[in-house]
């Protein structure tokens, strides 16, 4: 498997801001979760990360995702808002290189799908948040929306199958049909 480098700049602030931006109305629980992203203990003390896929340093992003989802499930936040913010924040913290866009989406989807399973989060809200974020990313970074959505939907299924077969069946049933786009 070929390795590529992912570099995130100001990861925690980008994720916190994207979660707040994703919330269409001011909701104290969601804002508290977003503010708490800064307190997530990661392996790096700085917010500048150079991540090689498969290395221990990719765990920093996974830790932020895990803690944020766990806290959100615990207080009953709308996971579509949280997941959308996590995906947008991670993507915006990365200096855009068109050729690596799908790789970044893949890394974030994998961590989110695993974490939602681990913390028994709402699958439909996860899917809504992921697909909404993917559309926004595609539009913001001038990617082909249909191709990016199709890739994301396929990778959500792949990631779910890696976690648990029953989980992948639940996700398959919850995924919308994208043929009409």
C-alpha atoms as a PDB file:
ATOM      1  CA  UNK A   1       0.000   0.000   0.000  1.00  0.00           C
ATOM      2  CA  UNK A   2       1.420   3.355  -0.956  1.00  0.00           C
ATOM      3  CA  UNK A   3       1.950   5.888   1.760  1.00  0.00           C
ATOM      4  CA  UNK A   4       1.068   9.550   1.505  1.00  0.00           C
ATOM      5  CA  UNK A   5       1.461  12.379   3.925  1.00  0.00           C
ATOM      6  CA  UNK A   6      -1.385  14.292   5.463  1.00  0.00           C
ATOM      7  CA  UNK A   7      -0.506  17.615   7.002  1.00  0.00           C
ATOM      8  CA  UNK A   8      -3.029  19.334   9.242  1.00  0.00           C
ATOM      9  CA  UNK A   9      -2.585  22.907  10.413  1.00  0.00           C
ATOM     10  CA  UNK A  10      -4.591  24.168  13.380  1.00  0.00           C
ATOM     11  CA  UNK A  11      -6.579  20.933  13.525  1.00  0.00           C
ATOM     12  CA  UNK A  12      -8.347  21.490  16.842  1.00  0.00           C
ATOM     13  CA  UNK A  13      -9.474  25.081  16.133  1.00  0.00           C
ATOM     14  CA  UNK A  14     -10.643  24.116  12.633  1.00  0.00           C
ATOM     15  CA  UNK A  15     -12.713  21.228  13.977  1.00  0.00           C
ATOM     16  CA  UNK A  16     -14.163  23.331  16.831  1.00  0.00           C
ATOM     17  CA  UNK A  17     -15.124  26.147  14.449  1.00  0.00           C
ATOM     18  CA  UNK A  18     -16.627  23.755  11.884  1.00  0.00           C
ATOM     19  CA  UNK A  19     -18.782  22.092  14.545  1.00  0.00           C
ATOM     20  CA  UNK A  20     -20.103  25.496  15.626  1.00  0.00           C
ATOM     21  CA  UNK A  21     -20.661  26.505  11.987  1.00  0.00           C
ATOM     22  CA  UNK A  22     -22.563  23.254  11.356  1.00  0.00           C
ATOM     23  CA  UNK A  23     -25.047  24.047  14.109  1.00  0.00           C
ATOM     24  CA  UNK A  24     -27.876  26.050  12.504  1.00  0.00           C
ATOM     25  CA  UNK A  25     -29.127  27.291  15.860  1.00  0.00           C
ATOM     26  CA  UNK A  26     -27.165  28.079  18.972  1.00  0.00           C
ATOM     27  CA  UNK A  27     -27.275  24.949  21.096  1.00  0.00           C
ATOM     28  CA  UNK A  28     -25.262  25.078  24.293  1.00  0.00           C
ATOM     29  CA  UNK A  29     -24.462  21.340  24.327  1.00  0.00           C
ATOM     30  CA  UNK A  30     -22.983  21.442  20.838  1.00  0.00           C
ATOM     31  CA  UNK A  31     -21.021  24.623  21.529  1.00  0.00           C
ATOM     32  CA  UNK A  32     -19.640  23.056  24.726  1.00  0.00           C
ATOM     33  CA  UNK A  33     -18.574  19.952  22.766  1.00  0.00           C
ATOM     34  CA  UNK A  34     -16.911  22.170  20.146  1.00  0.00           C
ATOM     35  CA  UNK A  35     -15.102  24.217  22.797  1.00  0.00           C
ATOM     36  CA  UNK A  36     -13.925  21.024  24.488  1.00  0.00           C
ATOM     37  CA  UNK A  37     -12.146  19.849  21.304  1.00  0.00           C
ATOM     38  CA  UNK A  38      -9.246  22.066  22.398  1.00  0.00           C
ATOM     39  CA  UNK A  39      -8.882  19.999  25.580  1.00  0.00           C
ATOM     40  CA  UNK A  40      -8.515  16.659  23.795  1.00  0.00           C
ATOM     41  CA  UNK A  41      -5.187  15.134  24.774  1.00  0.00           C
ATOM     42  CA  UNK A  42      -3.252  14.184  21.671  1.00  0.00           C
ATOM     43  CA  UNK A  43       0.267  12.944  21.049  1.00  0.00           C
ATOM     44  CA  UNK A  44       1.243  16.333  19.654  1.00  0.00           C
ATOM     45  CA  UNK A  45       1.190  19.401  21.836  1.00  0.00           C
ATOM     46  CA  UNK A  46       0.996  21.659  18.776  1.00  0.00           C
ATOM     47  CA  UNK A  47      -1.827  21.894  16.298  1.00  0.00           C
ATOM     48  CA  UNK A  48       0.421  21.287  13.307  1.00  0.00           C
ATOM     49  CA  UNK A  49       0.444  17.630  12.374  1.00  0.00           C
ATOM     50  CA  UNK A  50       2.307  15.767   9.704  1.00  0.00           C
ATOM     51  CA  UNK A  51       0.588  12.423   9.458  1.00  0.00           C
ATOM     52  CA  UNK A  52       1.714   9.436   7.456  1.00  0.00           C
ATOM     53  CA  UNK A  53      -1.231   7.084   7.027  1.00  0.00           C
ATOM     54  CA  UNK A  54      -0.926   4.029   9.188  1.00  0.00           C
ATOM     55  CA  UNK A  55       1.475   5.684  11.618  1.00  0.00           C
ATOM     56  CA  UNK A  56       0.890   6.385  15.280  1.00  0.00           C
ATOM     57  CA  UNK A  57       0.431  10.072  14.551  1.00  0.00           C
ATOM     58  CA  UNK A  58      -2.848   9.428  12.733  1.00  0.00           C
ATOM     59  CA  UNK A  59      -4.152   8.581  16.178  1.00  0.00           C
ATOM     60  CA  UNK A  60      -4.295  12.292  17.054  1.00  0.00           C
ATOM     61  CA  UNK A  61      -7.165  12.856  14.636  1.00  0.00           C
ATOM     62  CA  UNK A  62      -8.770   9.596  15.778  1.00  0.00           C
ATOM     63  CA  UNK A  63      -8.535  10.736  19.427  1.00  0.00           C
ATOM     64  CA  UNK A  64     -10.248  14.015  18.631  1.00  0.00           C
ATOM     65  CA  UNK A  65     -12.997  12.187  16.729  1.00  0.00           C
ATOM     66  CA  UNK A  66     -13.390   9.566  19.465  1.00  0.00           C
ATOM     67  CA  UNK A  67     -13.641  12.004  22.345  1.00  0.00           C
ATOM     68  CA  UNK A  68     -15.961  14.354  20.477  1.00  0.00           C
ATOM     69  CA  UNK A  69     -18.340  11.569  19.420  1.00  0.00           C
ATOM     70  CA  UNK A  70     -18.257   9.920  22.854  1.00  0.00           C
ATOM     71  CA  UNK A  71     -19.088  13.209  24.589  1.00  0.00           C
ATOM     72  CA  UNK A  72     -21.779  13.984  22.009  1.00  0.00           C
ATOM     73  CA  UNK A  73     -23.494  10.605  22.390  1.00  0.00           C
ATOM     74  CA  UNK A  74     -23.284  10.979  26.173  1.00  0.00           C
ATOM     75  CA  UNK A  75     -25.197  14.268  26.218  1.00  0.00           C
ATOM     76  CA  UNK A  76     -27.543  13.454  23.345  1.00  0.00           C
ATOM     77  CA  UNK A  77     -26.250  15.875  20.710  1.00  0.00           C
ATOM     78  CA  UNK A  78     -27.376  15.637  17.110  1.00  0.00           C
ATOM     79  CA  UNK A  79     -24.545  13.574  15.615  1.00  0.00           C
ATOM     80  CA  UNK A  80     -25.215  14.860  12.107  1.00  0.00           C
ATOM     81  CA  UNK A  81     -23.997  18.283  13.267  1.00  0.00           C
ATOM     82  CA  UNK A  82     -20.991  16.837  15.103  1.00  0.00           C
ATOM     83  CA  UNK A  83     -19.945  14.506  12.271  1.00  0.00           C
ATOM     84  CA  UNK A  84     -20.345  17.242   9.673  1.00  0.00           C
ATOM     85  CA  UNK A  85     -18.168  19.532  11.793  1.00  0.00           C
ATOM     86  CA  UNK A  86     -15.510  16.855  12.326  1.00  0.00           C
ATOM     87  CA  UNK A  87     -15.288  16.138   8.600  1.00  0.00           C
ATOM     88  CA  UNK A  88     -15.275  19.795   7.535  1.00  0.00           C
ATOM     89  CA  UNK A  89     -12.797  20.795  10.235  1.00  0.00           C
ATOM     90  CA  UNK A  90     -10.326  18.048   9.389  1.00  0.00           C
ATOM     91  CA  UNK A  91     -10.586  18.855   5.695  1.00  0.00           C
ATOM     92  CA  UNK A  92     -10.138  22.599   6.225  1.00  0.00           C
ATOM     93  CA  UNK A  93      -7.110  22.024   8.462  1.00  0.00           C
ATOM     94  CA  UNK A  94      -5.379  20.304   5.580  1.00  0.00           C
ATOM     95  CA  UNK A  95      -3.652  22.363   2.858  1.00  0.00           C
ATOM     96  CA  UNK A  96      -5.726  21.366  -0.155  1.00  0.00           C
ATOM     97  CA  UNK A  97      -4.123  19.182  -2.796  1.00  0.00           C
ATOM     98  CA  UNK A  98      -6.770  17.973  -5.261  1.00  0.00           C
ATOM     99  CA  UNK A  99      -5.078  14.600  -5.819  1.00  0.00           C
ATOM    100  CA  UNK A 100      -5.275  13.743  -2.109  1.00  0.00           C
ATOM    101  CA  UNK A 101      -8.849  14.896  -1.439  1.00  0.00           C
ATOM    102  CA  UNK A 102     -10.411  11.434  -1.581  1.00  0.00           C
ATOM    103  CA  UNK A 103      -7.637  10.040   0.623  1.00  0.00           C
ATOM    104  CA  UNK A 104      -8.428  12.602   3.311  1.00  0.00           C
ATOM    105  CA  UNK A 105     -12.147  11.858   3.056  1.00  0.00           C
ATOM    106  CA  UNK A 106     -11.357   8.144   3.372  1.00  0.00           C
ATOM    107  CA  UNK A 107      -9.218   8.609   6.510  1.00  0.00           C
ATOM    108  CA  UNK A 108     -11.856  10.715   8.254  1.00  0.00           C
ATOM    109  CA  UNK A 109     -14.768   8.448   7.242  1.00  0.00           C
ATOM    110  CA  UNK A 110     -12.950   5.386   8.552  1.00  0.00           C
ATOM    111  CA  UNK A 111     -12.355   6.989  11.961  1.00  0.00           C
ATOM    112  CA  UNK A 112     -15.902   8.329  12.229  1.00  0.00           C
ATOM    113  CA  UNK A 113     -17.585   5.044  11.221  1.00  0.00           C
ATOM    114  CA  UNK A 114     -15.478   3.103  13.752  1.00  0.00           C
ATOM    115  CA  UNK A 115     -16.136   5.629  16.513  1.00  0.00           C
ATOM    116  CA  UNK A 116     -19.904   5.778  15.936  1.00  0.00           C
ATOM    117  CA  UNK A 117     -19.953   1.966  16.205  1.00  0.00           C
ATOM    118  CA  UNK A 118     -17.827   1.978  19.383  1.00  0.00           C
ATOM    119  CA  UNK A 119     -20.069   4.514  21.134  1.00  0.00           C
ATOM    120  CA  UNK A 120     -23.378   3.228  19.742  1.00  0.00           C
ATOM    121  CA  UNK A 121     -24.155   6.483  17.979  1.00  0.00           C
ATOM    122  CA  UNK A 122     -27.065   7.100  15.659  1.00  0.00           C
ATOM    123  CA  UNK A 123     -26.238   5.664  12.224  1.00  0.00           C
ATOM    124  CA  UNK A 124     -28.702   7.832  10.299  1.00  0.00           C
ATOM    125  CA  UNK A 125     -27.323  11.010  11.876  1.00  0.00           C
ATOM    126  CA  UNK A 126     -23.766   9.874  11.078  1.00  0.00           C
ATOM    127  CA  UNK A 127     -24.638   9.263   7.439  1.00  0.00           C
ATOM    128  CA  UNK A 128     -26.483  12.581   7.160  1.00  0.00           C
ATOM    129  CA  UNK A 129     -23.492  14.428   8.635  1.00  0.00           C
ATOM    130  CA  UNK A 130     -20.927  12.644   6.468  1.00  0.00           C
ATOM    131  CA  UNK A 131     -22.803  13.076   3.199  1.00  0.00           C
ATOM    132  CA  UNK A 132     -23.676  16.712   3.919  1.00  0.00           C
ATOM    133  CA  UNK A 133     -20.020  17.434   4.719  1.00  0.00           C
ATOM    134  CA  UNK A 134     -18.885  15.654   1.552  1.00  0.00           C
ATOM    135  CA  UNK A 135     -21.202  17.790  -0.587  1.00  0.00           C
ATOM    136  CA  UNK A 136     -19.948  20.951   1.127  1.00  0.00           C
ATOM    137  CA  UNK A 137     -16.316  19.870   0.688  1.00  0.00           C
ATOM    138  CA  UNK A 138     -16.876  19.063  -2.978  1.00  0.00           C
ATOM    139  CA  UNK A 139     -18.482  22.439  -3.601  1.00  0.00           C
ATOM    140  CA  UNK A 140     -16.000  24.422  -1.491  1.00  0.00           C
ATOM    141  CA  UNK A 141     -12.956  22.793  -3.099  1.00  0.00           C
ATOM    142  CA  UNK A 142     -14.462  22.506  -6.606  1.00  0.00           C
ATOM    143  CA  UNK A 143     -14.575  18.714  -6.783  1.00  0.00           C
ATOM    144  CA  UNK A 144     -17.133  16.756  -8.783  1.00  0.00           C
ATOM    145  CA  UNK A 145     -20.020  16.443  -6.304  1.00  0.00           C
ATOM    146  CA  UNK A 146     -21.504  13.222  -7.740  1.00  0.00           C
ATOM    147  CA  UNK A 147     -18.137  11.437  -7.919  1.00  0.00           C
ATOM    148  CA  UNK A 148     -17.174  12.562  -4.424  1.00  0.00           C
ATOM    149  CA  UNK A 149     -20.539  11.462  -2.983  1.00  0.00           C
ATOM    150  CA  UNK A 150     -20.345   8.096  -4.734  1.00  0.00           C
ATOM    151  CA  UNK A 151     -16.833   7.557  -3.390  1.00  0.00           C
ATOM    152  CA  UNK A 152     -17.887   8.550   0.135  1.00  0.00           C
ATOM    153  CA  UNK A 153     -20.941   6.280   0.093  1.00  0.00           C
ATOM    154  CA  UNK A 154     -18.825   3.355  -1.096  1.00  0.00           C
ATOM    155  CA  UNK A 155     -16.176   3.995   1.503  1.00  0.00           C
ATOM    156  CA  UNK A 156     -18.731   4.288   4.311  1.00  0.00           C
ATOM    157  CA  UNK A 157     -19.786   0.733   3.407  1.00  0.00           C
ATOM    158  CA  UNK A 158     -16.195  -0.523   3.220  1.00  0.00           C
ATOM    159  CA  UNK A 159     -15.354   1.018   6.590  1.00  0.00           C
ATOM    160  CA  UNK A 160     -18.499  -0.468   8.156  1.00  0.00           C
ATOM    161  CA  UNK A 161     -17.662  -3.948   6.840  1.00  0.00           C
ATOM    162  CA  UNK A 162     -14.228  -3.656   8.429  1.00  0.00           C
ATOM    163  CA  UNK A 163     -15.916  -2.935  11.770  1.00  0.00           C
ATOM    164  CA  UNK A 164     -18.755  -5.477  11.879  1.00  0.00           C
ATOM    165  CA  UNK A 165     -20.932  -7.322   9.348  1.00  0.00           C
ATOM    166  CA  UNK A 166     -24.234  -6.557  11.146  1.00  0.00           C
ATOM    167  CA  UNK A 167     -23.202  -2.907  11.405  1.00  0.00           C
ATOM    168  CA  UNK A 168     -22.527  -2.786   7.668  1.00  0.00           C
ATOM    169  CA  UNK A 169     -26.003  -4.197   7.002  1.00  0.00           C
ATOM    170  CA  UNK A 170     -27.551  -1.458   9.168  1.00  0.00           C
ATOM    171  CA  UNK A 171     -25.539   1.181   7.312  1.00  0.00           C
ATOM    172  CA  UNK A 172     -26.485  -0.291   3.923  1.00  0.00           C
ATOM    173  CA  UNK A 173     -30.163   0.079   4.837  1.00  0.00           C
ATOM    174  CA  UNK A 174     -29.679   3.631   6.103  1.00  0.00           C
ATOM    175  CA  UNK A 175     -27.676   4.946   3.126  1.00  0.00           C
ATOM    176  CA  UNK A 176     -29.753   6.939   0.664  1.00  0.00           C
ATOM    177  CA  UNK A 177     -29.839   6.112  -3.025  1.00  0.00           C
ATOM    178  CA  UNK A 178     -27.634   8.640  -4.830  1.00  0.00           C
ATOM    179  CA  UNK A 179     -28.670   7.729  -8.374  1.00  0.00           C
ATOM    180  CA  UNK A 180     -30.864  10.789  -8.786  1.00  0.00           C
ATOM    181  CA  UNK A 181     -28.085  13.328  -8.220  1.00  0.00           C
END
